Amino acid sequence: MKVYGCNTEVILKNSNIPGIITGITIRNLSVTYEVSYFTKDEHKYIWINEYEFTTEIKRKKKEIGFK
């Protein structure tokens, strides 16, 4: 399974707010990412799916798991 690593810079699609991936959860074949961001001088985080953000720099996903 390939995932984006922590510290990857992203842009939230619904609001164009920049953020950073700070956590990853894998359940069965579903991957969700914790993204931390600032809005109105407030630190927030949200768990989202890959289709809800874009990466600013085309960063490659990392292979994880056992072979």
PDB file of N, CA and C in Angstrom:
ATOM      1  N   MET A   1       0.856  -1.179   0.000  1.00  0.00           N
ATOM      2  CA  MET A   1       0.000   0.000   0.000  1.00  0.00           C
ATOM      3  C   MET A   1       0.896   1.234   0.000  1.00  0.00           C
ATOM      4  N   LYS A   2       0.558   2.216  -0.780  1.00  0.00           N
ATOM      5  CA  LYS A   2       1.331   3.453  -0.836  1.00  0.00           C
ATOM      6  C   LYS A   2       0.551   4.582  -0.169  1.00  0.00           C
ATOM      7  N   VAL A   3       1.253   5.380   0.629  1.00  0.00           N
ATOM      8  CA  VAL A   3       0.633   6.510   1.329  1.00  0.00           C
ATOM      9  C   VAL A   3       1.557   7.720   1.266  1.00  0.00           C
ATOM     10  N   TYR A   4       1.002   8.900   1.476  1.00  0.00           N
ATOM     11  CA  TYR A   4       1.808  10.106   1.647  1.00  0.00           C
ATOM     12  C   TYR A   4       2.350  10.104   3.074  1.00  0.00           C
ATOM     13  N   GLY A   5       3.591  10.497   3.229  1.00  0.00           N
ATOM     14  CA  GLY A   5       4.215  10.499   4.542  1.00  0.00           C
ATOM     15  C   GLY A   5       3.859  11.718   5.370  1.00  0.00           C
ATOM     16  N   CYS A   6       4.130  11.625   6.659  1.00  0.00           N
ATOM     17  CA  CYS A   6       3.943  12.779   7.541  1.00  0.00           C
ATOM     18  C   CYS A   6       4.873  13.901   7.081  1.00  0.00           C
ATOM     19  N   ASN A   7       4.482  15.113   7.350  1.00  0.00           N
ATOM     20  CA  ASN A   7       5.187  16.345   6.961  1.00  0.00           C
ATOM     21  C   ASN A   7       5.021  16.699   5.493  1.00  0.00           C
ATOM     22  N   THR A   8       4.138  16.001   4.786  1.00  0.00           N
ATOM     23  CA  THR A   8       3.835  16.365   3.404  1.00  0.00           C
ATOM     24  C   THR A   8       2.923  17.586   3.416  1.00  0.00           C
ATOM     25  N   GLU A   9       3.283  18.610   2.673  1.00  0.00           N
ATOM     26  CA  GLU A   9       2.454  19.814   2.585  1.00  0.00           C
ATOM     27  C   GLU A   9       1.309  19.564   1.615  1.00  0.00           C
ATOM     28  N   VAL A  10       0.101  19.957   2.028  1.00  0.00           N
ATOM     29  CA  VAL A  10      -1.097  19.729   1.224  1.00  0.00           C
ATOM     30  C   VAL A  10      -1.935  21.005   1.167  1.00  0.00           C
ATOM     31  N   ILE A  11      -2.904  21.020   0.254  1.00  0.00           N
ATOM     32  CA  ILE A  11      -3.888  22.092   0.159  1.00  0.00           C
ATOM     33  C   ILE A  11      -5.266  21.441   0.286  1.00  0.00           C
ATOM     34  N   LEU A  12      -6.069  21.902   1.239  1.00  0.00           N
ATOM     35  CA  LEU A  12      -7.421  21.376   1.395  1.00  0.00           C
ATOM     36  C   LEU A  12      -8.276  21.860   0.233  1.00  0.00           C
ATOM     37  N   LYS A  13      -8.909  20.938  -0.479  1.00  0.00           N
ATOM     38  CA  LYS A  13      -9.639  21.298  -1.697  1.00  0.00           C
ATOM     39  C   LYS A  13     -10.844  22.197  -1.447  1.00  0.00           C
ATOM     40  N   ASN A  14     -11.586  21.964  -0.369  1.00  0.00           N
ATOM     41  CA  ASN A  14     -12.822  22.720  -0.164  1.00  0.00           C
ATOM     42  C   ASN A  14     -12.599  24.151   0.308  1.00  0.00           C
ATOM     43  N   SER A  15     -11.380  24.464   0.790  1.00  0.00           N
ATOM     44  CA  SER A  15     -11.151  25.806   1.334  1.00  0.00           C
ATOM     45  C   SER A  15      -9.853  26.456   0.848  1.00  0.00           C
ATOM     46  N   ASN A  16      -9.030  25.733   0.111  1.00  0.00           N
ATOM     47  CA  ASN A  16      -7.733  26.232  -0.362  1.00  0.00           C
ATOM     48  C   ASN A  16      -6.783  26.606   0.772  1.00  0.00           C
ATOM     49  N   ILE A  17      -6.963  26.015   1.938  1.00  0.00           N
ATOM     50  CA  ILE A  17      -6.102  26.280   3.091  1.00  0.00           C
ATOM     51  C   ILE A  17      -4.929  25.308   3.062  1.00  0.00           C
ATOM     52  N   PRO A  18      -3.688  25.808   3.240  1.00  0.00           N
ATOM     53  CA  PRO A  18      -2.539  24.903   3.291  1.00  0.00           C
ATOM     54  C   PRO A  18      -2.457  24.185   4.632  1.00  0.00           C
ATOM     55  N   GLY A  19      -1.959  22.967   4.603  1.00  0.00           N
ATOM     56  CA  GLY A  19      -1.804  22.187   5.820  1.00  0.00           C
ATOM     57  C   GLY A  19      -0.657  21.203   5.678  1.00  0.00           C
ATOM     58  N   ILE A  20      -0.436  20.432   6.736  1.00  0.00           N
ATOM     59  CA  ILE A  20       0.634  19.437   6.756  1.00  0.00           C
ATOM     60  C   ILE A  20       0.058  18.129   7.287  1.00  0.00           C
ATOM     61  N   ILE A  21       0.398  17.032   6.622  1.00  0.00           N
ATOM     62  CA  ILE A  21      -0.024  15.719   7.121  1.00  0.00           C
ATOM     63  C   ILE A  21       0.737  15.418   8.392  1.00  0.00           C
ATOM     64  N   THR A  22      -0.002  15.156   9.476  1.00  0.00           N
ATOM     65  CA  THR A  22       0.616  14.884  10.770  1.00  0.00           C
ATOM     66  C   THR A  22       0.303  13.490  11.290  1.00  0.00           C
ATOM     67  N   GLY A  23      -0.565  12.762  10.594  1.00  0.00           N
ATOM     68  CA  GLY A  23      -0.883  11.402  11.021  1.00  0.00           C
ATOM     69  C   GLY A  23      -1.553  10.614   9.911  1.00  0.00           C
ATOM     70  N   ILE A  24      -1.461   9.295  10.013  1.00  0.00           N
ATOM     71  CA  ILE A  24      -2.045   8.408   9.013  1.00  0.00           C
ATOM     72  C   ILE A  24      -2.735   7.262   9.751  1.00  0.00           C
ATOM     73  N   THR A  25      -3.948   6.932   9.327  1.00  0.00           N
ATOM     74  CA  THR A  25      -4.666   5.784   9.873  1.00  0.00           C
ATOM     75  C   THR A  25      -5.050   4.865   8.727  1.00  0.00           C
ATOM     76  N   ILE A  26      -4.792   3.568   8.922  1.00  0.00           N
ATOM     77  CA  ILE A  26      -5.158   2.576   7.912  1.00  0.00           C
ATOM     78  C   ILE A  26      -6.098   1.581   8.571  1.00  0.00           C
ATOM     79  N   ARG A  27      -7.282   1.444   7.991  1.00  0.00           N
ATOM     80  CA  ARG A  27      -8.263   0.458   8.447  1.00  0.00           C
ATOM     81  C   ARG A  27      -8.709  -0.337   7.230  1.00  0.00           C
ATOM     82  N   ASN A  28      -8.461  -1.643   7.274  1.00  0.00           N
ATOM     83  CA  ASN A  28      -8.695  -2.498   6.113  1.00  0.00           C
ATOM     84  C   ASN A  28      -7.925  -1.914   4.934  1.00  0.00           C
ATOM     85  N   LEU A  29      -8.582  -1.494   3.880  1.00  0.00           N
ATOM     86  CA  LEU A  29      -7.895  -0.892   2.731  1.00  0.00           C
ATOM     87  C   LEU A  29      -8.144   0.603   2.636  1.00  0.00           C
ATOM     88  N   SER A  30      -8.671   1.200   3.701  1.00  0.00           N
ATOM     89  CA  SER A  30      -8.999   2.626   3.712  1.00  0.00           C
ATOM     90  C   SER A  30      -7.915   3.417   4.453  1.00  0.00           C
ATOM     91  N   VAL A  31      -7.442   4.495   3.833  1.00  0.00           N
ATOM     92  CA  VAL A  31      -6.418   5.353   4.435  1.00  0.00           C
ATOM     93  C   VAL A  31      -7.024   6.721   4.704  1.00  0.00           C
ATOM     94  N   THR A  32      -6.871   7.217   5.922  1.00  0.00           N
ATOM     95  CA  THR A  32      -7.255   8.594   6.236  1.00  0.00           C
ATOM     96  C   THR A  32      -6.024   9.313   6.785  1.00  0.00           C
ATOM     97  N   TYR A  33      -5.983  10.609   6.521  1.00  0.00           N
ATOM     98  CA  TYR A  33      -4.842  11.431   6.910  1.00  0.00           C
ATOM     99  C   TYR A  33      -5.285  12.493   7.903  1.00  0.00           C
ATOM    100  N   GLU A  34      -4.473  12.697   8.931  1.00  0.00           N
ATOM    101  CA  GLU A  34      -4.688  13.817   9.836  1.00  0.00           C
ATOM    102  C   GLU A  34      -3.910  14.996   9.268  1.00  0.00           C
ATOM    103  N   VAL A  35      -4.606  16.085   9.001  1.00  0.00           N
ATOM    104  CA  VAL A  35      -3.963  17.282   8.460  1.00  0.00           C
ATOM    105  C   VAL A  35      -4.100  18.408   9.481  1.00  0.00           C
ATOM    106  N   SER A  36      -2.970  19.010   9.849  1.00  0.00           N
ATOM    107  CA  SER A  36      -2.956  20.158  10.753  1.00  0.00           C
ATOM    108  C   SER A  36      -2.847  21.431   9.930  1.00  0.00           C
ATOM    109  N   TYR A  37      -3.572  22.454  10.359  1.00  0.00           N
ATOM    110  CA  TYR A  37      -3.557  23.720   9.625  1.00  0.00           C
ATOM    111  C   TYR A  37      -3.924  24.857  10.562  1.00  0.00           C
ATOM    112  N   PHE A  38      -3.684  26.092  10.106  1.00  0.00           N
ATOM    113  CA  PHE A  38      -4.036  27.283  10.873  1.00  0.00           C
ATOM    114  C   PHE A  38      -5.124  28.043  10.132  1.00  0.00           C
ATOM    115  N   THR A  39      -6.083  28.540  10.880  1.00  0.00           N
ATOM    116  CA  THR A  39      -7.112  29.405  10.326  1.00  0.00           C
ATOM    117  C   THR A  39      -7.517  30.411  11.401  1.00  0.00           C
ATOM    118  N   LYS A  40      -7.543  31.665  11.024  1.00  0.00           N
ATOM    119  CA  LYS A  40      -7.881  32.752  11.963  1.00  0.00           C
ATOM    120  C   LYS A  40      -7.043  32.664  13.236  1.00  0.00           C
ATOM    121  N   ASP A  41      -5.737  32.493  13.081  1.00  0.00           N
ATOM    122  CA  ASP A  41      -4.790  32.403  14.200  1.00  0.00           C
ATOM    123  C   ASP A  41      -5.097  31.258  15.159  1.00  0.00           C
ATOM    124  N   GLU A  42      -5.742  30.229  14.680  1.00  0.00           N
ATOM    125  CA  GLU A  42      -6.106  29.090  15.504  1.00  0.00           C
ATOM    126  C   GLU A  42      -5.565  27.810  14.860  1.00  0.00           C
ATOM    127  N   HIS A  43      -4.924  26.966  15.659  1.00  0.00           N
ATOM    128  CA  HIS A  43      -4.414  25.697  15.154  1.00  0.00           C
ATOM    129  C   HIS A  43      -5.545  24.666  15.174  1.00  0.00           C
ATOM    130  N   LYS A  44      -5.739  23.986  14.046  1.00  0.00           N
ATOM    131  CA  LYS A  44      -6.790  22.977  13.950  1.00  0.00           C
ATOM    132  C   LYS A  44      -6.248  21.746  13.251  1.00  0.00           C
ATOM    133  N   TYR A  45      -6.974  20.643  13.381  1.00  0.00           N
ATOM    134  CA  TYR A  45      -6.637  19.455  12.619  1.00  0.00           C
ATOM    135  C   TYR A  45      -7.931  18.762  12.203  1.00  0.00           C
ATOM    136  N   ILE A  46      -7.821  17.970  11.143  1.00  0.00           N
ATOM    137  CA  ILE A  46      -8.983  17.288  10.597  1.00  0.00           C
ATOM    138  C   ILE A  46      -8.520  15.961   9.990  1.00  0.00           C
ATOM    139  N   TRP A  47      -9.357  14.940  10.091  1.00  0.00           N
ATOM    140  CA  TRP A  47      -9.085  13.657   9.443  1.00  0.00           C
ATOM    141  C   TRP A  47      -9.811  13.651   8.111  1.00  0.00           C
ATOM    142  N   ILE A  48      -9.078  13.456   7.007  1.00  0.00           N
ATOM    143  CA  ILE A  48      -9.683  13.500   5.677  1.00  0.00           C
ATOM    144  C   ILE A  48      -9.141  12.371   4.797  1.00  0.00           C
ATOM    145  N   ASN A  49      -9.840  12.129   3.717  1.00  0.00           N
ATOM    146  CA  ASN A  49      -9.415  11.148   2.718  1.00  0.00           C
ATOM    147  C   ASN A  49      -8.553  11.829   1.663  1.00  0.00           C
ATOM    148  N   GLU A  50      -7.842  11.017   0.891  1.00  0.00           N
ATOM    149  CA  GLU A  50      -6.908  11.547  -0.103  1.00  0.00           C
ATOM    150  C   GLU A  50      -7.588  12.416  -1.157  1.00  0.00           C
ATOM    151  N   TYR A  51      -8.828  12.125  -1.506  1.00  0.00           N
ATOM    152  CA  TYR A  51      -9.508  12.917  -2.535  1.00  0.00           C
ATOM    153  C   TYR A  51      -9.901  14.316  -2.042  1.00  0.00           C
ATOM    154  N   GLU A  52      -9.721  14.594  -0.755  1.00  0.00           N
ATOM    155  CA  GLU A  52     -10.094  15.896  -0.198  1.00  0.00           C
ATOM    156  C   GLU A  52      -8.929  16.888  -0.137  1.00  0.00           C
ATOM    157  N   PHE A  53      -7.752  16.488  -0.617  1.00  0.00           N
ATOM    158  CA  PHE A  53      -6.611  17.410  -0.639  1.00  0.00           C
ATOM    159  C   PHE A  53      -5.767  17.171  -1.872  1.00  0.00           C
ATOM    160  N   THR A  54      -4.926  18.152  -2.161  1.00  0.00           N
ATOM    161  CA  THR A  54      -3.917  18.016  -3.213  1.00  0.00           C
ATOM    162  C   THR A  54      -2.563  18.302  -2.587  1.00  0.00           C
ATOM    163  N   THR A  55      -1.518  17.807  -3.222  1.00  0.00           N
ATOM    164  CA  THR A  55      -0.170  18.106  -2.745  1.00  0.00           C
ATOM    165  C   THR A  55       0.392  19.227  -3.600  1.00  0.00           C
ATOM    166  N   GLU A  56       1.012  20.174  -2.945  1.00  0.00           N
ATOM    167  CA  GLU A  56       1.569  21.326  -3.662  1.00  0.00           C
ATOM    168  C   GLU A  56       2.707  20.885  -4.571  1.00  0.00           C
ATOM    169  N   ILE A  57       3.590  20.091  -4.024  1.00  0.00           N
ATOM    170  CA  ILE A  57       4.685  19.522  -4.797  1.00  0.00           C
ATOM    171  C   ILE A  57       4.297  18.076  -5.070  1.00  0.00           C
ATOM    172  N   LYS A  58       4.463  17.642  -6.295  1.00  0.00           N
ATOM    173  CA  LYS A  58       4.100  16.271  -6.638  1.00  0.00           C
ATOM    174  C   LYS A  58       5.036  15.310  -5.915  1.00  0.00           C
ATOM    175  N   ARG A  59       4.674  14.975  -4.708  1.00  0.00           N
ATOM    176  CA  ARG A  59       5.471  14.077  -3.888  1.00  0.00           C
ATOM    177  C   ARG A  59       5.025  12.645  -4.121  1.00  0.00           C
ATOM    178  N   LYS A  60       5.959  11.761  -4.187  1.00  0.00           N
ATOM    179  CA  LYS A  60       5.622  10.362  -4.403  1.00  0.00           C
ATOM    180  C   LYS A  60       5.149   9.731  -3.106  1.00  0.00           C
ATOM    181  N   LYS A  61       4.241   8.792  -3.238  1.00  0.00           N
ATOM    182  CA  LYS A  61       3.785   8.040  -2.076  1.00  0.00           C
ATOM    183  C   LYS A  61       4.861   7.040  -1.688  1.00  0.00           C
ATOM    184  N   LYS A  62       4.879   6.703  -0.398  1.00  0.00           N
ATOM    185  CA  LYS A  62       5.834   5.730   0.116  1.00  0.00           C
ATOM    186  C   LYS A  62       5.159   4.378   0.252  1.00  0.00           C
ATOM    187  N   GLU A  63       5.904   3.341  -0.051  1.00  0.00           N
ATOM    188  CA  GLU A  63       5.420   1.977   0.122  1.00  0.00           C
ATOM    189  C   GLU A  63       5.535   1.611   1.601  1.00  0.00           C
ATOM    190  N   ILE A  64       4.452   1.079   2.185  1.00  0.00           N
ATOM    191  CA  ILE A  64       4.488   0.643   3.574  1.00  0.00           C
ATOM    192  C   ILE A  64       3.944  -0.768   3.663  1.00  0.00           C
ATOM    193  N   GLY A  65       4.192  -1.424   4.774  1.00  0.00           N
ATOM    194  CA  GLY A  65       3.667  -2.770   4.998  1.00  0.00           C
ATOM    195  C   GLY A  65       4.739  -3.824   4.857  1.00  0.00           C
ATOM    196  N   PHE A  66       4.294  -5.053   4.962  1.00  0.00           N
ATOM    197  CA  PHE A  66       5.203  -6.188   4.878  1.00  0.00           C
ATOM    198  C   PHE A  66       5.195  -6.778   3.489  1.00  0.00           C
ATOM    199  N   LYS A  67       6.305  -7.341   3.089  1.00  0.00           N
ATOM    200  CA  LYS A  67       6.403  -7.991   1.790  1.00  0.00           C
ATOM    201  C   LYS A  67       6.483  -9.483   1.949  1.00  0.00           C
TER     202      LYS A  67
END
